[in-house]
Amino acid sequence: MAGASAVQIYSAVHMAGNQGAAFLNNFIKDFDAWINKYEYTNINSFKDILLPKLSRTHQTNRIIPKYNKNLCTNCKACINICLENAISLSKNKIIINKSKCIGCGACASVCPTKALK
């Protein structure tokens, strides 16, 4: 994974949902092995290569998903994928916290019934 772009790493963590922390722990372990293999002394020795790629200047405006309660089966796939904890279930209804939602679309992409668009 050392050759992955920042977007690919973020996407992998995001798609891991609630397992994102475990994914990151494994990534860090593998990344440390990569640093040692190529004899970098630490991350600062190549930070100028990485930092420009982590810029959010090209990020688009966020789009808050629309919820259709008639299509929702309460499977919680959207809740599990949301790293921002912006989605909750209350009284059999999905609640999207607009102040926490970053508009990434992961919830809509995993919704099996397309209750979120």
PDB file of N, CA and C in Angstrom:
ATOM      1  N   MET A   1       0.808  -1.205   0.000  1.00  0.00           N
ATOM      2  CA  MET A   1       0.000   0.000   0.000  1.00  0.00           C
ATOM      3  C   MET A   1       0.844   1.260   0.000  1.00  0.00           C
ATOM      4  N   ALA A   2       2.145   1.131   0.105  1.00  0.00           N
ATOM      5  CA  ALA A   2       2.984   2.324   0.174  1.00  0.00           C
ATOM      6  C   ALA A   2       2.877   3.158  -1.090  1.00  0.00           C
ATOM      7  N   GLY A   3       2.493   2.566  -2.199  1.00  0.00           N
ATOM      8  CA  GLY A   3       2.353   3.311  -3.434  1.00  0.00           C
ATOM      9  C   GLY A   3       0.974   3.912  -3.622  1.00  0.00           C
ATOM     10  N   ALA A   4       0.083   3.739  -2.669  1.00  0.00           N
ATOM     11  CA  ALA A   4      -1.289   4.232  -2.788  1.00  0.00           C
ATOM     12  C   ALA A   4      -1.331   5.741  -2.613  1.00  0.00           C
ATOM     13  N   SER A   5      -2.262   6.359  -3.318  1.00  0.00           N
ATOM     14  CA  SER A   5      -2.445   7.801  -3.151  1.00  0.00           C
ATOM     15  C   SER A   5      -3.231   8.066  -1.866  1.00  0.00           C
ATOM     16  N   ALA A   6      -3.221   9.307  -1.443  1.00  0.00           N
ATOM     17  CA  ALA A   6      -3.965   9.692  -0.245  1.00  0.00           C
ATOM     18  C   ALA A   6      -5.447   9.385  -0.419  1.00  0.00           C
ATOM     19  N   VAL A   7      -5.973   9.597  -1.622  1.00  0.00           N
ATOM     20  CA  VAL A   7      -7.382   9.326  -1.884  1.00  0.00           C
ATOM     21  C   VAL A   7      -7.672   7.829  -1.772  1.00  0.00           C
ATOM     22  N   GLN A   8      -6.784   7.001  -2.287  1.00  0.00           N
ATOM     23  CA  GLN A   8      -6.987   5.555  -2.206  1.00  0.00           C
ATOM     24  C   GLN A   8      -6.959   5.077  -0.759  1.00  0.00           C
ATOM     25  N   ILE A   9      -6.053   5.621   0.031  1.00  0.00           N
ATOM     26  CA  ILE A   9      -5.973   5.226   1.442  1.00  0.00           C
ATOM     27  C   ILE A   9      -7.236   5.662   2.171  1.00  0.00           C
ATOM     28  N   TYR A  10      -7.634   6.907   1.966  1.00  0.00           N
ATOM     29  CA  TYR A  10      -8.853   7.392   2.609  1.00  0.00           C
ATOM     30  C   TYR A  10     -10.057   6.558   2.195  1.00  0.00           C
ATOM     31  N   SER A  11     -10.156   6.255   0.904  1.00  0.00           N
ATOM     32  CA  SER A  11     -11.278   5.447   0.410  1.00  0.00           C
ATOM     33  C   SER A  11     -11.294   4.075   1.060  1.00  0.00           C
ATOM     34  N   ALA A  12     -10.134   3.461   1.186  1.00  0.00           N
ATOM     35  CA  ALA A  12     -10.062   2.137   1.805  1.00  0.00           C
ATOM     36  C   ALA A  12     -10.496   2.194   3.264  1.00  0.00           C
ATOM     37  N   VAL A  13     -10.060   3.210   3.976  1.00  0.00           N
ATOM     38  CA  VAL A  13     -10.460   3.369   5.384  1.00  0.00           C
ATOM     39  C   VAL A  13     -11.954   3.618   5.470  1.00  0.00           C
ATOM     40  N   HIS A  14     -12.448   4.488   4.615  1.00  0.00           N
ATOM     41  CA  HIS A  14     -13.870   4.828   4.650  1.00  0.00           C
ATOM     42  C   HIS A  14     -14.734   3.612   4.336  1.00  0.00           C
ATOM     43  N   MET A  15     -14.343   2.838   3.336  1.00  0.00           N
ATOM     44  CA  MET A  15     -15.128   1.666   2.963  1.00  0.00           C
ATOM     45  C   MET A  15     -15.047   0.571   4.027  1.00  0.00           C
ATOM     46  N   ALA A  16     -14.044   0.625   4.877  1.00  0.00           N
ATOM     47  CA  ALA A  16     -13.955  -0.333   5.984  1.00  0.00           C
ATOM     48  C   ALA A  16     -14.964   0.007   7.082  1.00  0.00           C
ATOM     49  N   GLY A  17     -15.548   1.200   7.017  1.00  0.00           N
ATOM     50  CA  GLY A  17     -16.578   1.593   7.984  1.00  0.00           C
ATOM     51  C   GLY A  17     -16.059   1.548   9.402  1.00  0.00           C
ATOM     52  N   ASN A  18     -16.768   0.853  10.263  1.00  0.00           N
ATOM     53  CA  ASN A  18     -16.389   0.776  11.674  1.00  0.00           C
ATOM     54  C   ASN A  18     -15.083   0.018  11.887  1.00  0.00           C
ATOM     55  N   GLN A  19     -14.618  -0.681  10.877  1.00  0.00           N
ATOM     56  CA  GLN A  19     -13.342  -1.397  10.959  1.00  0.00           C
ATOM     57  C   GLN A  19     -12.193  -0.526  10.449  1.00  0.00           C
ATOM     58  N   GLY A  20     -12.472   0.742  10.212  1.00  0.00           N
ATOM     59  CA  GLY A  20     -11.461   1.662   9.699  1.00  0.00           C
ATOM     60  C   GLY A  20     -10.243   1.779  10.598  1.00  0.00           C
ATOM     61  N   ALA A  21     -10.447   1.784  11.908  1.00  0.00           N
ATOM     62  CA  ALA A  21      -9.314   1.895  12.836  1.00  0.00           C
ATOM     63  C   ALA A  21      -8.403   0.678  12.720  1.00  0.00           C
ATOM     64  N   ALA A  22      -8.976  -0.509  12.608  1.00  0.00           N
ATOM     65  CA  ALA A  22      -8.169  -1.726  12.446  1.00  0.00           C
ATOM     66  C   ALA A  22      -7.404  -1.676  11.127  1.00  0.00           C
ATOM     67  N   PHE A  23      -8.070  -1.213  10.080  1.00  0.00           N
ATOM     68  CA  PHE A  23      -7.399  -1.077   8.789  1.00  0.00           C
ATOM     69  C   PHE A  23      -6.205  -0.136   8.912  1.00  0.00           C
ATOM     70  N   LEU A  24      -6.418   1.012   9.563  1.00  0.00           N
ATOM     71  CA  LEU A  24      -5.335   1.978   9.715  1.00  0.00           C
ATOM     72  C   LEU A  24      -4.188   1.418  10.534  1.00  0.00           C
ATOM     73  N   ASN A  25      -4.480   0.671  11.591  1.00  0.00           N
ATOM     74  CA  ASN A  25      -3.414   0.063  12.388  1.00  0.00           C
ATOM     75  C   ASN A  25      -2.568  -0.871  11.537  1.00  0.00           C
ATOM     76  N   ASN A  26      -3.212  -1.682  10.704  1.00  0.00           N
ATOM     77  CA  ASN A  26      -2.469  -2.569   9.808  1.00  0.00           C
ATOM     78  C   ASN A  26      -1.688  -1.775   8.775  1.00  0.00           C
ATOM     79  N   PHE A  27      -2.294  -0.725   8.266  1.00  0.00           N
ATOM     80  CA  PHE A  27      -1.616   0.118   7.282  1.00  0.00           C
ATOM     81  C   PHE A  27      -0.353   0.732   7.885  1.00  0.00           C
ATOM     82  N   ILE A  28      -0.464   1.245   9.097  1.00  0.00           N
ATOM     83  CA  ILE A  28       0.688   1.869   9.754  1.00  0.00           C
ATOM     84  C   ILE A  28       1.804   0.845   9.961  1.00  0.00           C
ATOM     85  N   LYS A  29       1.434  -0.357  10.377  1.00  0.00           N
ATOM     86  CA  LYS A  29       2.434  -1.420  10.559  1.00  0.00           C
ATOM     87  C   LYS A  29       3.133  -1.711   9.226  1.00  0.00           C
ATOM     88  N   ASP A  30       2.350  -1.853   8.158  1.00  0.00           N
ATOM     89  CA  ASP A  30       2.923  -2.109   6.832  1.00  0.00           C
ATOM     90  C   ASP A  30       3.747  -0.926   6.347  1.00  0.00           C
ATOM     91  N   PHE A  31       3.285   0.280   6.664  1.00  0.00           N
ATOM     92  CA  PHE A  31       3.996   1.483   6.251  1.00  0.00           C
ATOM     93  C   PHE A  31       5.348   1.578   6.956  1.00  0.00           C
ATOM     94  N   ASP A  32       5.364   1.249   8.244  1.00  0.00           N
ATOM     95  CA  ASP A  32       6.637   1.224   8.979  1.00  0.00           C
ATOM     96  C   ASP A  32       7.604   0.233   8.348  1.00  0.00           C
ATOM     97  N   ALA A  33       7.103  -0.926   7.952  1.00  0.00           N
ATOM     98  CA  ALA A  33       7.951  -1.921   7.295  1.00  0.00           C
ATOM     99  C   ALA A  33       8.500  -1.371   5.979  1.00  0.00           C
ATOM    100  N   TRP A  34       7.661  -0.637   5.244  1.00  0.00           N
ATOM    101  CA  TRP A  34       8.096  -0.044   3.977  1.00  0.00           C
ATOM    102  C   TRP A  34       9.184   0.996   4.211  1.00  0.00           C
ATOM    103  N   ILE A  35       8.996   1.841   5.229  1.00  0.00           N
ATOM    104  CA  ILE A  35      10.007   2.856   5.560  1.00  0.00           C
ATOM    105  C   ILE A  35      11.346   2.181   5.855  1.00  0.00           C
ATOM    106  N   ASN A  36      11.312   1.119   6.635  1.00  0.00           N
ATOM    107  CA  ASN A  36      12.545   0.404   6.979  1.00  0.00           C
ATOM    108  C   ASN A  36      13.170  -0.263   5.762  1.00  0.00           C
ATOM    109  N   LYS A  37      12.346  -0.855   4.914  1.00  0.00           N
ATOM    110  CA  LYS A  37      12.848  -1.545   3.726  1.00  0.00           C
ATOM    111  C   LYS A  37      13.615  -0.581   2.816  1.00  0.00           C
ATOM    112  N   TYR A  38      13.086   0.627   2.629  1.00  0.00           N
ATOM    113  CA  TYR A  38      13.719   1.594   1.740  1.00  0.00           C
ATOM    114  C   TYR A  38      14.639   2.568   2.479  1.00  0.00           C
ATOM    115  N   GLU A  39      14.905   2.266   3.743  1.00  0.00           N
ATOM    116  CA  GLU A  39      15.892   2.955   4.568  1.00  0.00           C
ATOM    117  C   GLU A  39      15.637   4.446   4.762  1.00  0.00           C
ATOM    118  N   TYR A  40      14.354   4.799   4.866  1.00  0.00           N
ATOM    119  CA  TYR A  40      14.039   6.158   5.287  1.00  0.00           C
ATOM    120  C   TYR A  40      14.207   6.186   6.799  1.00  0.00           C
ATOM    121  N   THR A  41      14.671   7.288   7.328  1.00  0.00           N
ATOM    122  CA  THR A  41      14.868   7.358   8.772  1.00  0.00           C
ATOM    123  C   THR A  41      13.555   7.597   9.512  1.00  0.00           C
ATOM    124  N   ASN A  42      12.651   8.353   8.888  1.00  0.00           N
ATOM    125  CA  ASN A  42      11.332   8.609   9.465  1.00  0.00           C
ATOM    126  C   ASN A  42      10.458   9.254   8.395  1.00  0.00           C
ATOM    127  N   ILE A  43       9.227   9.530   8.729  1.00  0.00           N
ATOM    128  CA  ILE A  43       8.298  10.080   7.746  1.00  0.00           C
ATOM    129  C   ILE A  43       8.709  11.483   7.290  1.00  0.00           C
ATOM    130  N   ASN A  44       9.407  12.224   8.150  1.00  0.00           N
ATOM    131  CA  ASN A  44       9.851  13.566   7.764  1.00  0.00           C
ATOM    132  C   ASN A  44      10.827  13.543   6.597  1.00  0.00           C
ATOM    133  N   SER A  45      11.512  12.426   6.395  1.00  0.00           N
ATOM    134  CA  SER A  45      12.496  12.364   5.312  1.00  0.00           C
ATOM    135  C   SER A  45      11.847  12.359   3.937  1.00  0.00           C
ATOM    136  N   PHE A  46      10.541  12.127   3.873  1.00  0.00           N
ATOM    137  CA  PHE A  46       9.870  12.208   2.570  1.00  0.00           C
ATOM    138  C   PHE A  46       8.528  12.933   2.650  1.00  0.00           C
ATOM    139  N   LYS A  47       8.331  13.739   3.678  1.00  0.00           N
ATOM    140  CA  LYS A  47       7.059  14.445   3.853  1.00  0.00           C
ATOM    141  C   LYS A  47       6.763  15.425   2.724  1.00  0.00           C
ATOM    142  N   ASP A  48       7.797  16.035   2.148  1.00  0.00           N
ATOM    143  CA  ASP A  48       7.544  16.998   1.072  1.00  0.00           C
ATOM    144  C   ASP A  48       7.003  16.316  -0.181  1.00  0.00           C
ATOM    145  N   ILE A  49       7.182  15.030  -0.275  1.00  0.00           N
ATOM    146  CA  ILE A  49       6.608  14.264  -1.386  1.00  0.00           C
ATOM    147  C   ILE A  49       5.122  14.026  -1.119  1.00  0.00           C
ATOM    148  N   LEU A  50       4.766  13.796   0.140  1.00  0.00           N
ATOM    149  CA  LEU A  50       3.399  13.427   0.501  1.00  0.00           C
ATOM    150  C   LEU A  50       2.458  14.601   0.708  1.00  0.00           C
ATOM    151  N   LEU A  51       2.911  15.638   1.377  1.00  0.00           N
ATOM    152  CA  LEU A  51       2.012  16.722   1.783  1.00  0.00           C
ATOM    153  C   LEU A  51       1.230  17.361   0.641  1.00  0.00           C
ATOM    154  N   PRO A  52       1.827  17.636  -0.522  1.00  0.00           N
ATOM    155  CA  PRO A  52       1.025  18.228  -1.598  1.00  0.00           C
ATOM    156  C   PRO A  52      -0.133  17.332  -2.037  1.00  0.00           C
ATOM    157  N   LYS A  53       0.014  16.036  -1.892  1.00  0.00           N
ATOM    158  CA  LYS A  53      -1.025  15.108  -2.308  1.00  0.00           C
ATOM    159  C   LYS A  53      -2.183  15.051  -1.315  1.00  0.00           C
ATOM    160  N   LEU A  54      -1.964  15.558  -0.108  1.00  0.00           N
ATOM    161  CA  LEU A  54      -2.996  15.517   0.928  1.00  0.00           C
ATOM    162  C   LEU A  54      -3.857  16.777   0.964  1.00  0.00           C
ATOM    163  N   SER A  55      -3.603  17.710   0.078  1.00  0.00           N
ATOM    164  CA  SER A  55      -4.347  18.962   0.044  1.00  0.00           C
ATOM    165  C   SER A  55      -5.813  18.728  -0.302  1.00  0.00           C
ATOM    166  N   ARG A  56      -6.709  19.481   0.301  1.00  0.00           N
ATOM    167  CA  ARG A  56      -8.141  19.377   0.016  1.00  0.00           C
ATOM    168  C   ARG A  56      -8.604  20.477  -0.936  1.00  0.00           C
ATOM    169  N   THR A  57      -7.697  21.110  -1.636  1.00  0.00           N
ATOM    170  CA  THR A  57      -8.083  22.241  -2.473  1.00  0.00           C
ATOM    171  C   THR A  57      -8.991  21.838  -3.621  1.00  0.00           C
ATOM    172  N   HIS A  58      -8.980  20.581  -4.017  1.00  0.00           N
ATOM    173  CA  HIS A  58      -9.799  20.140  -5.137  1.00  0.00           C
ATOM    174  C   HIS A  58     -11.097  19.469  -4.676  1.00  0.00           C
ATOM    175  N   GLN A  59     -11.362  19.494  -3.383  1.00  0.00           N
ATOM    176  CA  GLN A  59     -12.559  18.844  -2.857  1.00  0.00           C
ATOM    177  C   GLN A  59     -13.806  19.591  -3.330  1.00  0.00           C
ATOM    178  N   THR A  60     -14.798  18.834  -3.737  1.00  0.00           N
ATOM    179  CA  THR A  60     -16.044  19.442  -4.195  1.00  0.00           C
ATOM    180  C   THR A  60     -16.947  19.774  -3.013  1.00  0.00           C
ATOM    181  N   ASN A  61     -18.003  20.489  -3.271  1.00  0.00           N
ATOM    182  CA  ASN A  61     -18.970  20.804  -2.219  1.00  0.00           C
ATOM    183  C   ASN A  61     -19.638  19.527  -1.743  1.00  0.00           C
ATOM    184  N   ARG A  62     -19.952  19.494  -0.495  1.00  0.00           N
ATOM    185  CA  ARG A  62     -20.590  18.299   0.059  1.00  0.00           C
ATOM    186  C   ARG A  62     -22.056  18.242  -0.351  1.00  0.00           C
ATOM    187  N   ILE A  63     -22.546  17.046  -0.521  1.00  0.00           N
ATOM    188  CA  ILE A  63     -23.944  16.828  -0.877  1.00  0.00           C
ATOM    189  C   ILE A  63     -24.549  15.940   0.207  1.00  0.00           C
ATOM    190  N   ILE A  64     -25.459  16.488   0.968  1.00  0.00           N
ATOM    191  CA  ILE A  64     -26.121  15.741   2.034  1.00  0.00           C
ATOM    192  C   ILE A  64     -27.133  14.799   1.385  1.00  0.00           C
ATOM    193  N   PRO A  65     -27.072  13.501   1.700  1.00  0.00           N
ATOM    194  CA  PRO A  65     -28.005  12.570   1.058  1.00  0.00           C
ATOM    195  C   PRO A  65     -29.453  12.810   1.473  1.00  0.00           C
ATOM    196  N   LYS A  66     -30.342  12.509   0.568  1.00  0.00           N
ATOM    197  CA  LYS A  66     -31.784  12.573   0.846  1.00  0.00           C
ATOM    198  C   LYS A  66     -32.216  11.190   1.308  1.00  0.00           C
ATOM    199  N   TYR A  67     -33.104  11.151   2.287  1.00  0.00           N
ATOM    200  CA  TYR A  67     -33.564   9.899   2.896  1.00  0.00           C
ATOM    201  C   TYR A  67     -35.012   9.628   2.512  1.00  0.00           C
ATOM    202  N   ASN A  68     -35.278   8.409   2.032  1.00  0.00           N
ATOM    203  CA  ASN A  68     -36.630   7.974   1.703  1.00  0.00           C
ATOM    204  C   ASN A  68     -37.024   6.879   2.684  1.00  0.00           C
ATOM    205  N   LYS A  69     -37.837   7.232   3.685  1.00  0.00           N
ATOM    206  CA  LYS A  69     -38.198   6.279   4.736  1.00  0.00           C
ATOM    207  C   LYS A  69     -38.985   5.089   4.202  1.00  0.00           C
ATOM    208  N   ASN A  70     -39.663   5.246   3.071  1.00  0.00           N
ATOM    209  CA  ASN A  70     -40.440   4.131   2.505  1.00  0.00           C
ATOM    210  C   ASN A  70     -39.552   3.037   1.915  1.00  0.00           C
ATOM    211  N   LEU A  71     -38.320   3.376   1.583  1.00  0.00           N
ATOM    212  CA  LEU A  71     -37.406   2.393   1.013  1.00  0.00           C
ATOM    213  C   LEU A  71     -36.464   1.777   2.045  1.00  0.00           C
ATOM    214  N   CYS A  72     -36.340   2.405   3.196  1.00  0.00           N
ATOM    215  CA  CYS A  72     -35.372   1.974   4.209  1.00  0.00           C
ATOM    216  C   CYS A  72     -35.822   0.696   4.927  1.00  0.00           C
ATOM    217  N   THR A  73     -34.871  -0.242   5.076  1.00  0.00           N
ATOM    218  CA  THR A  73     -35.142  -1.495   5.796  1.00  0.00           C
ATOM    219  C   THR A  73     -34.445  -1.528   7.156  1.00  0.00           C
ATOM    220  N   ASN A  74     -33.825  -0.421   7.558  1.00  0.00           N
ATOM    221  CA  ASN A  74     -33.088  -0.323   8.826  1.00  0.00           C
ATOM    222  C   ASN A  74     -31.937  -1.325   8.919  1.00  0.00           C
ATOM    223  N   CYS A  75     -31.280  -1.584   7.793  1.00  0.00           N
ATOM    224  CA  CYS A  75     -30.169  -2.540   7.783  1.00  0.00           C
ATOM    225  C   CYS A  75     -28.913  -1.988   8.449  1.00  0.00           C
ATOM    226  N   LYS A  76     -28.829  -0.680   8.602  1.00  0.00           N
ATOM    227  CA  LYS A  76     -27.728   0.036   9.255  1.00  0.00           C
ATOM    228  C   LYS A  76     -26.419   0.033   8.468  1.00  0.00           C
ATOM    229  N   ALA A  77     -26.450  -0.326   7.189  1.00  0.00           N
ATOM    230  CA  ALA A  77     -25.232  -0.278   6.370  1.00  0.00           C
ATOM    231  C   ALA A  77     -24.692   1.145   6.318  1.00  0.00           C
ATOM    232  N   CYS A  78     -25.582   2.113   6.221  1.00  0.00           N
ATOM    233  CA  CYS A  78     -25.173   3.521   6.155  1.00  0.00           C
ATOM    234  C   CYS A  78     -24.525   3.964   7.467  1.00  0.00           C
ATOM    235  N   ILE A  79     -25.065   3.507   8.572  1.00  0.00           N
ATOM    236  CA  ILE A  79     -24.514   3.860   9.885  1.00  0.00           C
ATOM    237  C   ILE A  79     -23.121   3.269  10.035  1.00  0.00           C
ATOM    238  N   ASN A  80     -22.953   2.024   9.612  1.00  0.00           N
ATOM    239  CA  ASN A  80     -21.672   1.346   9.753  1.00  0.00           C
ATOM    240  C   ASN A  80     -20.575   1.942   8.878  1.00  0.00           C
ATOM    241  N   ILE A  81     -20.926   2.500   7.739  1.00  0.00           N
ATOM    242  CA  ILE A  81     -19.918   3.040   6.816  1.00  0.00           C
ATOM    243  C   ILE A  81     -19.530   4.475   7.150  1.00  0.00           C
ATOM    244  N   CYS A  82     -20.362   5.176   7.891  1.00  0.00           N
ATOM    245  CA  CYS A  82     -20.138   6.604   8.148  1.00  0.00           C
ATOM    246  C   CYS A  82     -19.062   6.817   9.216  1.00  0.00           C
ATOM    247  N   LEU A  83     -17.910   7.288   8.779  1.00  0.00           N
ATOM    248  CA  LEU A  83     -16.806   7.544   9.708  1.00  0.00           C
ATOM    249  C   LEU A  83     -17.014   8.808  10.520  1.00  0.00           C
ATOM    250  N   GLU A  84     -17.904   9.648  10.093  1.00  0.00           N
ATOM    251  CA  GLU A  84     -18.154  10.911  10.782  1.00  0.00           C
ATOM    252  C   GLU A  84     -19.221  10.773  11.870  1.00  0.00           C
ATOM    253  N   ASN A  85     -19.793   9.573  12.007  1.00  0.00           N
ATOM    254  CA  ASN A  85     -20.895   9.343  12.956  1.00  0.00           C
ATOM    255  C   ASN A  85     -22.021  10.346  12.741  1.00  0.00           C
ATOM    256  N   ALA A  86     -22.312  10.606  11.476  1.00  0.00           N
ATOM    257  CA  ALA A  86     -23.341  11.581  11.124  1.00  0.00           C
ATOM    258  C   ALA A  86     -24.710  10.945  10.939  1.00  0.00           C
ATOM    259  N   ILE A  87     -24.779   9.612  11.002  1.00  0.00           N
ATOM    260  CA  ILE A  87     -26.042   8.921  10.765  1.00  0.00           C
ATOM    261  C   ILE A  87     -26.400   8.097  11.989  1.00  0.00           C
ATOM    262  N   SER A  88     -27.657   8.194  12.383  1.00  0.00           N
ATOM    263  CA  SER A  88     -28.148   7.397  13.510  1.00  0.00           C
ATOM    264  C   SER A  88     -29.540   6.874  13.177  1.00  0.00           C
ATOM    265  N   LEU A  89     -29.995   5.962  13.985  1.00  0.00           N
ATOM    266  CA  LEU A  89     -31.327   5.382  13.817  1.00  0.00           C
ATOM    267  C   LEU A  89     -32.139   5.723  15.061  1.00  0.00           C
ATOM    268  N   SER A  90     -33.286   6.343  14.863  1.00  0.00           N
ATOM    269  CA  SER A  90     -34.158   6.706  15.970  1.00  0.00           C
ATOM    270  C   SER A  90     -35.598   6.417  15.576  1.00  0.00           C
ATOM    271  N   LYS A  91     -36.252   5.589  16.348  1.00  0.00           N
ATOM    272  CA  LYS A  91     -37.653   5.238  16.095  1.00  0.00           C
ATOM    273  C   LYS A  91     -37.842   4.714  14.665  1.00  0.00           C
ATOM    274  N   ASN A  92     -36.936   3.788  14.275  1.00  0.00           N
ATOM    275  CA  ASN A  92     -36.980   3.166  12.945  1.00  0.00           C
ATOM    276  C   ASN A  92     -36.844   4.163  11.803  1.00  0.00           C
ATOM    277  N   LYS A  93     -36.154   5.266  12.052  1.00  0.00           N
ATOM    278  CA  LYS A  93     -35.936   6.275  11.023  1.00  0.00           C
ATOM    279  C   LYS A  93     -34.468   6.701  11.049  1.00  0.00           C
ATOM    280  N   ILE A  94     -33.888   6.789   9.875  1.00  0.00           N
ATOM    281  CA  ILE A  94     -32.509   7.252   9.743  1.00  0.00           C
ATOM    282  C   ILE A  94     -32.472   8.766   9.948  1.00  0.00           C
ATOM    283  N   ILE A  95     -31.553   9.215  10.779  1.00  0.00           N
ATOM    284  CA  ILE A  95     -31.357  10.635  11.046  1.00  0.00           C
ATOM    285  C   ILE A  95     -29.958  11.006  10.549  1.00  0.00           C
ATOM    286  N   ILE A  96     -29.868  12.022   9.712  1.00  0.00           N
ATOM    287  CA  ILE A  96     -28.588  12.499   9.210  1.00  0.00           C
ATOM    288  C   ILE A  96     -28.281  13.834   9.867  1.00  0.00           C
ATOM    289  N   ASN A  97     -27.189  13.874  10.599  1.00  0.00           N
ATOM    290  CA  ASN A  97     -26.751  15.103  11.250  1.00  0.00           C
ATOM    291  C   ASN A  97     -25.998  15.930  10.213  1.00  0.00           C
ATOM    292  N   LYS A  98     -26.639  16.953   9.707  1.00  0.00           N
ATOM    293  CA  LYS A  98     -26.073  17.754   8.612  1.00  0.00           C
ATOM    294  C   LYS A  98     -24.801  18.488   9.016  1.00  0.00           C
ATOM    295  N   SER A  99     -24.637  18.772  10.294  1.00  0.00           N
ATOM    296  CA  SER A  99     -23.420  19.469  10.714  1.00  0.00           C
ATOM    297  C   SER A  99     -22.221  18.525  10.768  1.00  0.00           C
ATOM    298  N   LYS A 100     -22.462  17.234  10.897  1.00  0.00           N
ATOM    299  CA  LYS A 100     -21.365  16.257  10.915  1.00  0.00           C
ATOM    300  C   LYS A 100     -21.095  15.655   9.538  1.00  0.00           C
ATOM    301  N   CYS A 101     -22.103  15.568   8.699  1.00  0.00           N
ATOM    302  CA  CYS A 101     -21.979  14.931   7.390  1.00  0.00           C
ATOM    303  C   CYS A 101     -20.997  15.696   6.503  1.00  0.00           C
ATOM    304  N   ILE A 102     -20.050  14.965   5.898  1.00  0.00           N
ATOM    305  CA  ILE A 102     -19.091  15.610   4.991  1.00  0.00           C
ATOM    306  C   ILE A 102     -19.505  15.446   3.533  1.00  0.00           C
ATOM    307  N   GLY A 103     -20.614  14.770   3.283  1.00  0.00           N
ATOM    308  CA  GLY A 103     -21.140  14.646   1.927  1.00  0.00           C
ATOM    309  C   GLY A 103     -20.323  13.753   1.013  1.00  0.00           C
ATOM    310  N   CYS A 104     -19.704  12.725   1.562  1.00  0.00           N
ATOM    311  CA  CYS A 104     -18.834  11.866   0.752  1.00  0.00           C
ATOM    312  C   CYS A 104     -19.617  10.890  -0.121  1.00  0.00           C
ATOM    313  N   GLY A 105     -20.850  10.567   0.284  1.00  0.00           N
ATOM    314  CA  GLY A 105     -21.681   9.664  -0.508  1.00  0.00           C
ATOM    315  C   GLY A 105     -21.512   8.192  -0.197  1.00  0.00           C
ATOM    316  N   ALA A 106     -20.657   7.860   0.766  1.00  0.00           N
ATOM    317  CA  ALA A 106     -20.435   6.445   1.098  1.00  0.00           C
ATOM    318  C   ALA A 106     -21.731   5.776   1.558  1.00  0.00           C
ATOM    319  N   CYS A 107     -22.533   6.475   2.327  1.00  0.00           N
ATOM    320  CA  CYS A 107     -23.782   5.895   2.839  1.00  0.00           C
ATOM    321  C   CYS A 107     -24.723   5.530   1.695  1.00  0.00           C
ATOM    322  N   ALA A 108     -24.855   6.431   0.753  1.00  0.00           N
ATOM    323  CA  ALA A 108     -25.734   6.171  -0.395  1.00  0.00           C
ATOM    324  C   ALA A 108     -25.195   5.030  -1.246  1.00  0.00           C
ATOM    325  N   SER A 109     -23.876   4.922  -1.332  1.00  0.00           N
ATOM    326  CA  SER A 109     -23.293   3.884  -2.187  1.00  0.00           C
ATOM    327  C   SER A 109     -23.483   2.481  -1.606  1.00  0.00           C
ATOM    328  N   VAL A 110     -23.635   2.355  -0.282  1.00  0.00           N
ATOM    329  CA  VAL A 110     -23.808   1.022   0.309  1.00  0.00           C
ATOM    330  C   VAL A 110     -25.265   0.690   0.612  1.00  0.00           C
ATOM    331  N   CYS A 111     -26.166   1.618   0.425  1.00  0.00           N
ATOM    332  CA  CYS A 111     -27.579   1.387   0.733  1.00  0.00           C
ATOM    333  C   CYS A 111     -28.172   0.397  -0.279  1.00  0.00           C
ATOM    334  N   PRO A 112     -28.585  -0.783   0.190  1.00  0.00           N
ATOM    335  CA  PRO A 112     -29.087  -1.802  -0.742  1.00  0.00           C
ATOM    336  C   PRO A 112     -30.428  -1.474  -1.364  1.00  0.00           C
ATOM    337  N   THR A 113     -31.195  -0.599  -0.745  1.00  0.00           N
ATOM    338  CA  THR A 113     -32.528  -0.278  -1.261  1.00  0.00           C
ATOM    339  C   THR A 113     -32.596   1.121  -1.878  1.00  0.00           C
ATOM    340  N   LYS A 114     -31.481   1.818  -1.887  1.00  0.00           N
ATOM    341  CA  LYS A 114     -31.406   3.194  -2.405  1.00  0.00           C
ATOM    342  C   LYS A 114     -32.292   4.156  -1.630  1.00  0.00           C
ATOM    343  N   ALA A 115     -32.421   3.894  -0.314  1.00  0.00           N
ATOM    344  CA  ALA A 115     -33.181   4.796   0.547  1.00  0.00           C
ATOM    345  C   ALA A 115     -32.439   6.111   0.761  1.00  0.00           C
ATOM    346  N   LEU A 116     -31.136   6.087   0.544  1.00  0.00           N
ATOM    347  CA  LEU A 116     -30.330   7.300   0.602  1.00  0.00           C
ATOM    348  C   LEU A 116     -29.814   7.602  -0.781  1.00  0.00           C
ATOM    349  N   LYS A 117     -30.037   8.830  -1.230  1.00  0.00           N
ATOM    350  CA  LYS A 117     -29.546   9.253  -2.553  1.00  0.00           C
ATOM    351  C   LYS A 117     -28.931  10.617  -2.447  1.00  0.00           C
TER     352      LYS A 117
END
